[in-house]
Every structure is written in structure tokens, then in C-alpha cells.
Amino acid sequence: MKESDPNARKRTDPRPAYIELGDDTDGAFHVYRTTDETIHVVQNGERVQKFVLNGRSVDDYVKFVRDDVEGREWANRRYVADDEDPFAALVDQLADATEVAA
């Protein structure tokens, strides 16, 4: 009998291996690695933090940075949390981009 391959999910998961979440106001870049359900925070070319989701969602992490981390928030976000209107988030990002360009 053939044993199941523990890496089968990795080969059949339709999501990309990495999903960019965005940059925060401290200049750190947040990326979600789908193959092992972790989030990596990179600053100045080095990984400074690794979060294991342990059954929590990426949305929970994005909301945590947005709402609960003292002194840090999203500066340039590429991921919209499940409690936000995607169209409104796009409009906000466009408005922020025009302010920076002006």
C-alpha cells in the first residue's frame, strides 16, 4: 500500500508560495508563506520576525498589525482584511498614492 505524501498539499495548492502583505510604517516588509502558514517580517534585508499562524488566518494577522501593534501600522498594504470593503481600500490606497506624488 502506498503511503500518503506529506508534501502533496504543497504541490497541489493553487495559491502562490508567497503572498505580499505590504510594508509597515517602520519600513518592514510582511510576506505570507502559504506552504507552511507562516508570516515573515523583513527589514533591511534580514528577517526580523516569523509568525506561525497556528490555525489563525492571515486576516487576523493583518488586523492585528492594523489595530493592535503600538506605534506601527500599514504604510503600503497589498492585502485587504476580511472586515474591509475591497473597493474602499482601493480608493484609500489611490488617494494615499496621489498625496505622495503631489
PDB file of N, CA and C in Angstrom:
ATOM      1  N   MET A   1       0.843  -1.166   0.000  1.00  0.00           N
ATOM      2  CA  MET A   1       0.000   0.000   0.000  1.00  0.00           C
ATOM      3  C   MET A   1       0.900   1.246   0.000  1.00  0.00           C
ATOM      4  N   LYS A   2       0.525   2.207  -0.817  1.00  0.00           N
ATOM      5  CA  LYS A   2       1.299   3.428  -0.948  1.00  0.00           C
ATOM      6  C   LYS A   2       0.985   4.380   0.207  1.00  0.00           C
ATOM      7  N   GLU A   3       2.030   4.925   0.818  1.00  0.00           N
ATOM      8  CA  GLU A   3       1.832   5.899   1.899  1.00  0.00           C
ATOM      9  C   GLU A   3       1.519   7.259   1.299  1.00  0.00           C
ATOM     10  N   SER A   4       0.747   8.055   2.026  1.00  0.00           N
ATOM     11  CA  SER A   4       0.427   9.383   1.522  1.00  0.00           C
ATOM     12  C   SER A   4       1.658  10.280   1.636  1.00  0.00           C
ATOM     13  N   ASP A   5       1.803  11.147   0.688  1.00  0.00           N
ATOM     14  CA  ASP A   5       2.941  12.053   0.631  1.00  0.00           C
ATOM     15  C   ASP A   5       2.612  13.305   1.445  1.00  0.00           C
ATOM     16  N   PRO A   6       3.409  13.623   2.486  1.00  0.00           N
ATOM     17  CA  PRO A   6       3.119  14.802   3.304  1.00  0.00           C
ATOM     18  C   PRO A   6       3.286  16.106   2.538  1.00  0.00           C
ATOM     19  N   ASN A   7       3.978  16.089   1.402  1.00  0.00           N
ATOM     20  CA  ASN A   7       4.168  17.308   0.622  1.00  0.00           C
ATOM     21  C   ASN A   7       3.151  17.452  -0.505  1.00  0.00           C
ATOM     22  N   ALA A   8       2.166  16.576  -0.542  1.00  0.00           N
ATOM     23  CA  ALA A   8       1.181  16.609  -1.627  1.00  0.00           C
ATOM     24  C   ALA A   8       0.431  17.936  -1.656  1.00  0.00           C
ATOM     25  N   ARG A   9       0.077  18.478  -0.503  1.00  0.00           N
ATOM     26  CA  ARG A   9      -0.636  19.757  -0.467  1.00  0.00           C
ATOM     27  C   ARG A   9       0.199  20.858  -1.100  1.00  0.00           C
ATOM     28  N   LYS A  10       1.479  20.826  -0.863  1.00  0.00           N
ATOM     29  CA  LYS A  10       2.352  21.858  -1.401  1.00  0.00           C
ATOM     30  C   LYS A  10       2.352  21.833  -2.925  1.00  0.00           C
ATOM     31  N   ARG A  11       2.254  20.674  -3.487  1.00  0.00           N
ATOM     32  CA  ARG A  11       2.290  20.578  -4.946  1.00  0.00           C
ATOM     33  C   ARG A  11       0.943  20.877  -5.583  1.00  0.00           C
ATOM     34  N   THR A  12      -0.143  20.735  -4.853  1.00  0.00           N
ATOM     35  CA  THR A  12      -1.452  20.921  -5.449  1.00  0.00           C
ATOM     36  C   THR A  12      -2.150  22.205  -5.009  1.00  0.00           C
ATOM     37  N   ASP A  13      -1.571  22.931  -4.055  1.00  0.00           N
ATOM     38  CA  ASP A  13      -2.175  24.174  -3.572  1.00  0.00           C
ATOM     39  C   ASP A  13      -2.141  25.216  -4.690  1.00  0.00           C
ATOM     40  N   PRO A  14      -3.306  25.773  -5.078  1.00  0.00           N
ATOM     41  CA  PRO A  14      -3.322  26.735  -6.185  1.00  0.00           C
ATOM     42  C   PRO A  14      -2.757  28.108  -5.819  1.00  0.00           C
ATOM     43  N   ARG A  15      -2.548  28.360  -4.529  1.00  0.00           N
ATOM     44  CA  ARG A  15      -2.019  29.666  -4.126  1.00  0.00           C
ATOM     45  C   ARG A  15      -0.527  29.755  -4.430  1.00  0.00           C
ATOM     46  N   PRO A  16      -0.034  30.974  -4.662  1.00  0.00           N
ATOM     47  CA  PRO A  16       1.413  31.120  -4.809  1.00  0.00           C
ATOM     48  C   PRO A  16       2.099  30.793  -3.480  1.00  0.00           C
ATOM     49  N   ALA A  17       3.374  30.447  -3.528  1.00  0.00           N
ATOM     50  CA  ALA A  17       4.105  30.100  -2.307  1.00  0.00           C
ATOM     51  C   ALA A  17       4.229  31.303  -1.365  1.00  0.00           C
ATOM     52  N   TYR A  18       4.339  32.500  -1.930  1.00  0.00           N
ATOM     53  CA  TYR A  18       4.472  33.721  -1.125  1.00  0.00           C
ATOM     54  C   TYR A  18       3.433  34.740  -1.571  1.00  0.00           C
ATOM     55  N   ILE A  19       2.805  35.402  -0.593  1.00  0.00           N
ATOM     56  CA  ILE A  19       1.843  36.468  -0.876  1.00  0.00           C
ATOM     57  C   ILE A  19       2.305  37.710  -0.122  1.00  0.00           C
ATOM     58  N   GLU A  20       2.539  38.790  -0.854  1.00  0.00           N
ATOM     59  CA  GLU A  20       2.984  40.039  -0.241  1.00  0.00           C
ATOM     60  C   GLU A  20       1.820  40.680   0.510  1.00  0.00           C
ATOM     61  N   LEU A  21       2.038  40.992   1.785  1.00  0.00           N
ATOM     62  CA  LEU A  21       1.002  41.650   2.579  1.00  0.00           C
ATOM     63  C   LEU A  21       1.178  43.164   2.569  1.00  0.00           C
ATOM     64  N   GLY A  22       2.408  43.648   2.574  1.00  0.00           N
ATOM     65  CA  GLY A  22       2.661  45.071   2.492  1.00  0.00           C
ATOM     66  C   GLY A  22       3.802  45.516   3.385  1.00  0.00           C
ATOM     67  N   ASP A  23       4.003  46.833   3.412  1.00  0.00           N
ATOM     68  CA  ASP A  23       5.044  47.459   4.212  1.00  0.00           C
ATOM     69  C   ASP A  23       4.402  48.186   5.388  1.00  0.00           C
ATOM     70  N   ASP A  24       5.107  48.228   6.517  1.00  0.00           N
ATOM     71  CA  ASP A  24       4.587  48.978   7.659  1.00  0.00           C
ATOM     72  C   ASP A  24       5.338  50.293   7.825  1.00  0.00           C
ATOM     73  N   THR A  25       4.907  51.097   8.783  1.00  0.00           N
ATOM     74  CA  THR A  25       5.481  52.421   8.983  1.00  0.00           C
ATOM     75  C   THR A  25       6.892  52.390   9.546  1.00  0.00           C
ATOM     76  N   ASP A  26       7.376  51.235   9.992  1.00  0.00           N
ATOM     77  CA  ASP A  26       8.768  51.096  10.442  1.00  0.00           C
ATOM     78  C   ASP A  26       9.683  50.657   9.307  1.00  0.00           C
ATOM     79  N   GLY A  27       9.138  50.518   8.102  1.00  0.00           N
ATOM     80  CA  GLY A  27       9.942  50.119   6.955  1.00  0.00           C
ATOM     81  C   GLY A  27      10.113  48.623   6.798  1.00  0.00           C
ATOM     82  N   ALA A  28       9.350  47.839   7.533  1.00  0.00           N
ATOM     83  CA  ALA A  28       9.433  46.381   7.425  1.00  0.00           C
ATOM     84  C   ALA A  28       8.442  45.885   6.371  1.00  0.00           C
ATOM     85  N   PHE A  29       8.825  44.810   5.692  1.00  0.00           N
ATOM     86  CA  PHE A  29       8.016  44.184   4.651  1.00  0.00           C
ATOM     87  C   PHE A  29       7.449  42.889   5.207  1.00  0.00           C
ATOM     88  N   HIS A  30       6.143  42.662   5.054  1.00  0.00           N
ATOM     89  CA  HIS A  30       5.466  41.482   5.588  1.00  0.00           C
ATOM     90  C   HIS A  30       5.057  40.584   4.422  1.00  0.00           C
ATOM     91  N   VAL A  31       5.398  39.295   4.520  1.00  0.00           N
ATOM     92  CA  VAL A  31       5.054  38.350   3.463  1.00  0.00           C
ATOM     93  C   VAL A  31       4.507  37.066   4.097  1.00  0.00           C
ATOM     94  N   TYR A  32       3.470  36.537   3.483  1.00  0.00           N
ATOM     95  CA  TYR A  32       2.807  35.312   3.943  1.00  0.00           C
ATOM     96  C   TYR A  32       3.320  34.147   3.112  1.00  0.00           C
ATOM     97  N   ARG A  33       3.881  33.127   3.776  1.00  0.00           N
ATOM     98  CA  ARG A  33       4.345  31.925   3.078  1.00  0.00           C
ATOM     99  C   ARG A  33       3.264  30.855   3.237  1.00  0.00           C
ATOM    100  N   THR A  34       2.630  30.524   2.136  1.00  0.00           N
ATOM    101  CA  THR A  34       1.477  29.626   2.172  1.00  0.00           C
ATOM    102  C   THR A  34       1.867  28.171   2.400  1.00  0.00           C
ATOM    103  N   THR A  35       3.093  27.794   2.059  1.00  0.00           N
ATOM    104  CA  THR A  35       3.487  26.392   2.169  1.00  0.00           C
ATOM    105  C   THR A  35       3.556  25.904   3.600  1.00  0.00           C
ATOM    106  N   ASP A  36       3.828  26.812   4.551  1.00  0.00           N
ATOM    107  CA  ASP A  36       3.881  26.391   5.954  1.00  0.00           C
ATOM    108  C   ASP A  36       3.060  27.298   6.876  1.00  0.00           C
ATOM    109  N   GLU A  37       2.200  28.143   6.285  1.00  0.00           N
ATOM    110  CA  GLU A  37       1.304  29.008   7.046  1.00  0.00           C
ATOM    111  C   GLU A  37       2.068  29.875   8.052  1.00  0.00           C
ATOM    112  N   THR A  38       3.082  30.579   7.541  1.00  0.00           N
ATOM    113  CA  THR A  38       3.850  31.498   8.377  1.00  0.00           C
ATOM    114  C   THR A  38       3.895  32.872   7.725  1.00  0.00           C
ATOM    115  N   ILE A  39       4.129  33.874   8.552  1.00  0.00           N
ATOM    116  CA  ILE A  39       4.315  35.234   8.060  1.00  0.00           C
ATOM    117  C   ILE A  39       5.712  35.665   8.470  1.00  0.00           C
ATOM    118  N   HIS A  40       6.433  36.233   7.508  1.00  0.00           N
ATOM    119  CA  HIS A  40       7.801  36.670   7.741  1.00  0.00           C
ATOM    120  C   HIS A  40       7.859  38.185   7.612  1.00  0.00           C
ATOM    121  N   VAL A  41       8.548  38.812   8.565  1.00  0.00           N
ATOM    122  CA  VAL A  41       8.732  40.255   8.559  1.00  0.00           C
ATOM    123  C   VAL A  41      10.204  40.508   8.257  1.00  0.00           C
ATOM    124  N   VAL A  42      10.455  41.253   7.162  1.00  0.00           N
ATOM    125  CA  VAL A  42      11.817  41.506   6.697  1.00  0.00           C
ATOM    126  C   VAL A  42      12.084  43.004   6.767  1.00  0.00           C
ATOM    127  N   GLN A  43      13.231  43.341   7.366  1.00  0.00           N
ATOM    128  CA  GLN A  43      13.621  44.745   7.461  1.00  0.00           C
ATOM    129  C   GLN A  43      15.118  44.839   7.179  1.00  0.00           C
ATOM    130  N   ASN A  44      15.501  45.770   6.330  1.00  0.00           N
ATOM    131  CA  ASN A  44      16.902  45.959   5.933  1.00  0.00           C
ATOM    132  C   ASN A  44      17.519  44.667   5.399  1.00  0.00           C
ATOM    133  N   GLY A  45      16.733  43.906   4.641  1.00  0.00           N
ATOM    134  CA  GLY A  45      17.229  42.701   4.012  1.00  0.00           C
ATOM    135  C   GLY A  45      17.350  41.485   4.916  1.00  0.00           C
ATOM    136  N   GLU A  46      16.925  41.598   6.167  1.00  0.00           N
ATOM    137  CA  GLU A  46      17.003  40.477   7.098  1.00  0.00           C
ATOM    138  C   GLU A  46      15.633  40.177   7.690  1.00  0.00           C
ATOM    139  N   ARG A  47      15.370  38.884   7.901  1.00  0.00           N
ATOM    140  CA  ARG A  47      14.123  38.508   8.568  1.00  0.00           C
ATOM    141  C   ARG A  47      14.254  38.860  10.043  1.00  0.00           C
ATOM    142  N   VAL A  48      13.326  39.698  10.520  1.00  0.00           N
ATOM    143  CA  VAL A  48      13.384  40.121  11.916  1.00  0.00           C
ATOM    144  C   VAL A  48      12.351  39.403  12.773  1.00  0.00           C
ATOM    145  N   GLN A  49      11.312  38.861  12.148  1.00  0.00           N
ATOM    146  CA  GLN A  49      10.297  38.120  12.893  1.00  0.00           C
ATOM    147  C   GLN A  49       9.676  37.057  12.006  1.00  0.00           C
ATOM    148  N   LYS A  50       9.236  35.983  12.656  1.00  0.00           N
ATOM    149  CA  LYS A  50       8.496  34.924  11.975  1.00  0.00           C
ATOM    150  C   LYS A  50       7.299  34.588  12.851  1.00  0.00           C
ATOM    151  N   PHE A  51       6.110  34.640  12.268  1.00  0.00           N
ATOM    152  CA  PHE A  51       4.879  34.316  12.979  1.00  0.00           C
ATOM    153  C   PHE A  51       4.300  33.033  12.405  1.00  0.00           C
ATOM    154  N   VAL A  52       4.060  32.061  13.261  1.00  0.00           N
ATOM    155  CA  VAL A  52       3.388  30.831  12.860  1.00  0.00           C
ATOM    156  C   VAL A  52       1.904  31.038  13.135  1.00  0.00           C
ATOM    157  N   LEU A  53       1.084  30.888  12.123  1.00  0.00           N
ATOM    158  CA  LEU A  53      -0.336  31.214  12.274  1.00  0.00           C
ATOM    159  C   LEU A  53      -1.087  30.257  13.193  1.00  0.00           C
ATOM    160  N   ASN A  54      -0.680  29.011  13.301  1.00  0.00           N
ATOM    161  CA  ASN A  54      -1.327  28.046  14.204  1.00  0.00           C
ATOM    162  C   ASN A  54      -2.846  28.069  14.123  1.00  0.00           C
ATOM    163  N   GLY A  55      -3.368  28.002  12.910  1.00  0.00           N
ATOM    164  CA  GLY A  55      -4.815  27.951  12.726  1.00  0.00           C
ATOM    165  C   GLY A  55      -5.492  29.314  12.614  1.00  0.00           C
ATOM    166  N   ARG A  56      -4.767  30.384  12.944  1.00  0.00           N
ATOM    167  CA  ARG A  56      -5.333  31.725  12.745  1.00  0.00           C
ATOM    168  C   ARG A  56      -5.237  32.081  11.269  1.00  0.00           C
ATOM    169  N   SER A  57      -5.984  33.074  10.862  1.00  0.00           N
ATOM    170  CA  SER A  57      -5.985  33.450   9.450  1.00  0.00           C
ATOM    171  C   SER A  57      -5.036  34.612   9.184  1.00  0.00           C
ATOM    172  N   VAL A  58      -4.700  34.782   7.918  1.00  0.00           N
ATOM    173  CA  VAL A  58      -3.900  35.938   7.507  1.00  0.00           C
ATOM    174  C   VAL A  58      -4.666  37.217   7.822  1.00  0.00           C
ATOM    175  N   ASP A  59      -5.973  37.171   7.676  1.00  0.00           N
ATOM    176  CA  ASP A  59      -6.795  38.339   8.007  1.00  0.00           C
ATOM    177  C   ASP A  59      -6.595  38.754   9.459  1.00  0.00           C
ATOM    178  N   ASP A  60      -6.532  37.780  10.360  1.00  0.00           N
ATOM    179  CA  ASP A  60      -6.296  38.085  11.773  1.00  0.00           C
ATOM    180  C   ASP A  60      -4.964  38.810  11.954  1.00  0.00           C
ATOM    181  N   TYR A  61      -3.932  38.366  11.248  1.00  0.00           N
ATOM    182  CA  TYR A  61      -2.619  38.999  11.357  1.00  0.00           C
ATOM    183  C   TYR A  61      -2.656  40.433  10.818  1.00  0.00           C
ATOM    184  N   VAL A  62      -3.269  40.632   9.658  1.00  0.00           N
ATOM    185  CA  VAL A  62      -3.355  41.966   9.053  1.00  0.00           C
ATOM    186  C   VAL A  62      -4.109  42.914   9.980  1.00  0.00           C
ATOM    187  N   LYS A  63      -5.192  42.440  10.571  1.00  0.00           N
ATOM    188  CA  LYS A  63      -5.957  43.279  11.512  1.00  0.00           C
ATOM    189  C   LYS A  63      -5.157  43.550  12.781  1.00  0.00           C
ATOM    190  N   PHE A  64      -4.371  42.563  13.237  1.00  0.00           N
ATOM    191  CA  PHE A  64      -3.541  42.738  14.425  1.00  0.00           C
ATOM    192  C   PHE A  64      -2.535  43.872  14.217  1.00  0.00           C
ATOM    193  N   VAL A  65      -1.840  43.870  13.083  1.00  0.00           N
ATOM    194  CA  VAL A  65      -0.882  44.942  12.797  1.00  0.00           C
ATOM    195  C   VAL A  65      -1.614  46.267  12.661  1.00  0.00           C
ATOM    196  N   ARG A  66      -2.743  46.256  12.005  1.00  0.00           N
ATOM    197  CA  ARG A  66      -3.525  47.478  11.780  1.00  0.00           C
ATOM    198  C   ARG A  66      -4.067  48.063  13.072  1.00  0.00           C
ATOM    199  N   ASP A  67      -4.568  47.214  13.973  1.00  0.00           N
ATOM    200  CA  ASP A  67      -5.325  47.704  15.125  1.00  0.00           C
ATOM    201  C   ASP A  67      -4.598  47.625  16.469  1.00  0.00           C
ATOM    202  N   ASP A  68      -3.693  46.660  16.638  1.00  0.00           N
ATOM    203  CA  ASP A  68      -3.194  46.367  17.976  1.00  0.00           C
ATOM    204  C   ASP A  68      -1.711  46.616  18.209  1.00  0.00           C
ATOM    205  N   VAL A  69      -0.911  46.743  17.174  1.00  0.00           N
ATOM    206  CA  VAL A  69       0.522  46.944  17.381  1.00  0.00           C
ATOM    207  C   VAL A  69       0.768  48.426  17.637  1.00  0.00           C
ATOM    208  N   GLU A  70       1.281  48.715  18.799  1.00  0.00           N
ATOM    209  CA  GLU A  70       1.507  50.105  19.221  1.00  0.00           C
ATOM    210  C   GLU A  70       2.637  50.728  18.403  1.00  0.00           C
ATOM    211  N   GLY A  71       2.374  51.875  17.798  1.00  0.00           N
ATOM    212  CA  GLY A  71       3.395  52.606  17.066  1.00  0.00           C
ATOM    213  C   GLY A  71       3.712  52.070  15.682  1.00  0.00           C
ATOM    214  N   ARG A  72       2.945  51.107  15.211  1.00  0.00           N
ATOM    215  CA  ARG A  72       3.188  50.546  13.880  1.00  0.00           C
ATOM    216  C   ARG A  72       1.847  50.327  13.198  1.00  0.00           C
ATOM    217  N   GLU A  73       1.780  50.679  11.943  1.00  0.00           N
ATOM    218  CA  GLU A  73       0.592  50.414  11.150  1.00  0.00           C
ATOM    219  C   GLU A  73       1.024  50.180   9.711  1.00  0.00           C
ATOM    220  N   TRP A  74       0.080  49.885   8.859  1.00  0.00           N
ATOM    221  CA  TRP A  74       0.407  49.622   7.463  1.00  0.00           C
ATOM    222  C   TRP A  74       0.671  50.930   6.736  1.00  0.00           C
ATOM    223  N   ALA A  75       1.781  50.992   6.011  1.00  0.00           N
ATOM    224  CA  ALA A  75       2.093  52.158   5.185  1.00  0.00           C
ATOM    225  C   ALA A  75       1.669  51.911   3.744  1.00  0.00           C
ATOM    226  N   ASN A  76       1.879  50.698   3.273  1.00  0.00           N
ATOM    227  CA  ASN A  76       1.558  50.334   1.895  1.00  0.00           C
ATOM    228  C   ASN A  76       1.099  48.880   1.908  1.00  0.00           C
ATOM    229  N   ARG A  77      -0.182  48.700   2.002  1.00  0.00           N
ATOM    230  CA  ARG A  77      -0.718  47.342   2.160  1.00  0.00           C
ATOM    231  C   ARG A  77      -1.193  46.796   0.833  1.00  0.00           C
ATOM    232  N   ARG A  78      -0.916  45.519   0.604  1.00  0.00           N
ATOM    233  CA  ARG A  78      -1.333  44.844  -0.622  1.00  0.00           C
ATOM    234  C   ARG A  78      -2.395  43.782  -0.357  1.00  0.00           C
ATOM    235  N   TYR A  79      -2.794  43.637   0.888  1.00  0.00           N
ATOM    236  CA  TYR A  79      -3.755  42.607   1.284  1.00  0.00           C
ATOM    237  C   TYR A  79      -4.888  43.280   2.045  1.00  0.00           C
ATOM    238  N   VAL A  80      -6.114  42.984   1.662  1.00  0.00           N
ATOM    239  CA  VAL A  80      -7.289  43.580   2.303  1.00  0.00           C
ATOM    240  C   VAL A  80      -7.894  42.561   3.264  1.00  0.00           C
ATOM    241  N   ALA A  81      -8.066  42.954   4.519  1.00  0.00           N
ATOM    242  CA  ALA A  81      -8.630  42.056   5.527  1.00  0.00           C
ATOM    243  C   ALA A  81     -10.105  41.805   5.260  1.00  0.00           C
ATOM    244  N   ASP A  82     -10.619  40.723   5.843  1.00  0.00           N
ATOM    245  CA  ASP A  82     -11.999  40.314   5.582  1.00  0.00           C
ATOM    246  C   ASP A  82     -13.047  41.247   6.194  1.00  0.00           C
ATOM    247  N   ASP A  83     -12.642  42.177   7.064  1.00  0.00           N
ATOM    248  CA  ASP A  83     -13.614  43.104   7.635  1.00  0.00           C
ATOM    249  C   ASP A  83     -13.630  44.448   6.894  1.00  0.00           C
ATOM    250  N   GLU A  84     -12.948  44.514   5.756  1.00  0.00           N
ATOM    251  CA  GLU A  84     -12.868  45.755   4.998  1.00  0.00           C
ATOM    252  C   GLU A  84     -13.562  45.617   3.646  1.00  0.00           C
ATOM    253  N   ASP A  85     -14.031  46.726   3.145  1.00  0.00           N
ATOM    254  CA  ASP A  85     -14.607  46.770   1.812  1.00  0.00           C
ATOM    255  C   ASP A  85     -13.458  46.888   0.808  1.00  0.00           C
ATOM    256  N   PRO A  86     -13.283  45.919  -0.086  1.00  0.00           N
ATOM    257  CA  PRO A  86     -12.139  45.957  -1.010  1.00  0.00           C
ATOM    258  C   PRO A  86     -12.120  47.207  -1.888  1.00  0.00           C
ATOM    259  N   PHE A  87     -13.286  47.675  -2.314  1.00  0.00           N
ATOM    260  CA  PHE A  87     -13.335  48.874  -3.151  1.00  0.00           C
ATOM    261  C   PHE A  87     -12.895  50.096  -2.360  1.00  0.00           C
ATOM    262  N   ALA A  88     -13.374  50.230  -1.131  1.00  0.00           N
ATOM    263  CA  ALA A  88     -12.977  51.364  -0.290  1.00  0.00           C
ATOM    264  C   ALA A  88     -11.482  51.327   0.001  1.00  0.00           C
ATOM    265  N   ALA A  89     -10.933  50.142   0.216  1.00  0.00           N
ATOM    266  CA  ALA A  89      -9.497  50.012   0.464  1.00  0.00           C
ATOM    267  C   ALA A  89      -8.703  50.456  -0.762  1.00  0.00           C
ATOM    268  N   LEU A  90      -9.177  50.100  -1.959  1.00  0.00           N
ATOM    269  CA  LEU A  90      -8.512  50.521  -3.190  1.00  0.00           C
ATOM    270  C   LEU A  90      -8.556  52.038  -3.333  1.00  0.00           C
ATOM    271  N   VAL A  91      -9.691  52.644  -3.064  1.00  0.00           N
ATOM    272  CA  VAL A  91      -9.829  54.100  -3.153  1.00  0.00           C
ATOM    273  C   VAL A  91      -8.878  54.776  -2.165  1.00  0.00           C
ATOM    274  N   ASP A  92      -8.788  54.249  -0.946  1.00  0.00           N
ATOM    275  CA  ASP A  92      -7.869  54.807   0.052  1.00  0.00           C
ATOM    276  C   ASP A  92      -6.424  54.719  -0.418  1.00  0.00           C
ATOM    277  N   GLN A  93      -6.055  53.576  -1.007  1.00  0.00           N
ATOM    278  CA  GLN A  93      -4.682  53.417  -1.497  1.00  0.00           C
ATOM    279  C   GLN A  93      -4.383  54.386  -2.636  1.00  0.00           C
ATOM    280  N   LEU A  94      -5.346  54.580  -3.522  1.00  0.00           N
ATOM    281  CA  LEU A  94      -5.157  55.528  -4.623  1.00  0.00           C
ATOM    282  C   LEU A  94      -5.038  56.953  -4.096  1.00  0.00           C
ATOM    283  N   ALA A  95      -5.849  57.294  -3.103  1.00  0.00           N
ATOM    284  CA  ALA A  95      -5.784  58.645  -2.515  1.00  0.00           C
ATOM    285  C   ALA A  95      -4.429  58.867  -1.840  1.00  0.00           C
ATOM    286  N   ASP A  96      -3.938  57.854  -1.126  1.00  0.00           N
ATOM    287  CA  ASP A  96      -2.628  57.959  -0.480  1.00  0.00           C
ATOM    288  C   ASP A  96      -1.518  58.116  -1.535  1.00  0.00           C
ATOM    289  N   ALA A  97      -1.640  57.396  -2.646  1.00  0.00           N
ATOM    290  CA  ALA A  97      -0.618  57.461  -3.693  1.00  0.00           C
ATOM    291  C   ALA A  97      -0.584  58.844  -4.339  1.00  0.00           C
ATOM    292  N   THR A  98      -1.739  59.463  -4.519  1.00  0.00           N
ATOM    293  CA  THR A  98      -1.770  60.800  -5.127  1.00  0.00           C
ATOM    294  C   THR A  98      -1.228  61.842  -4.157  1.00  0.00           C
ATOM    295  N   GLU A  99      -1.424  61.652  -2.852  1.00  0.00           N
ATOM    296  CA  GLU A  99      -0.864  62.585  -1.870  1.00  0.00           C
ATOM    297  C   GLU A  99       0.657  62.513  -1.881  1.00  0.00           C
ATOM    298  N   VAL A 100       1.194  61.320  -1.996  1.00  0.00           N
ATOM    299  CA  VAL A 100       2.650  61.136  -2.018  1.00  0.00           C
ATOM    300  C   VAL A 100       3.219  61.752  -3.284  1.00  0.00           C
ATOM    301  N   ALA A 101       2.525  61.578  -4.415  1.00  0.00           N
ATOM    302  CA  ALA A 101       3.013  62.077  -5.700  1.00  0.00           C
ATOM    303  C   ALA A 101       2.941  63.599  -5.779  1.00  0.00           C
ATOM    304  N   ALA A 102       2.060  64.204  -5.037  1.00  0.00           N
ATOM    305  CA  ALA A 102       1.877  65.666  -5.129  1.00  0.00           C
ATOM    306  C   ALA A 102       2.955  66.447  -4.442  1.00  0.00           C
TER     307      ALA A 102
END
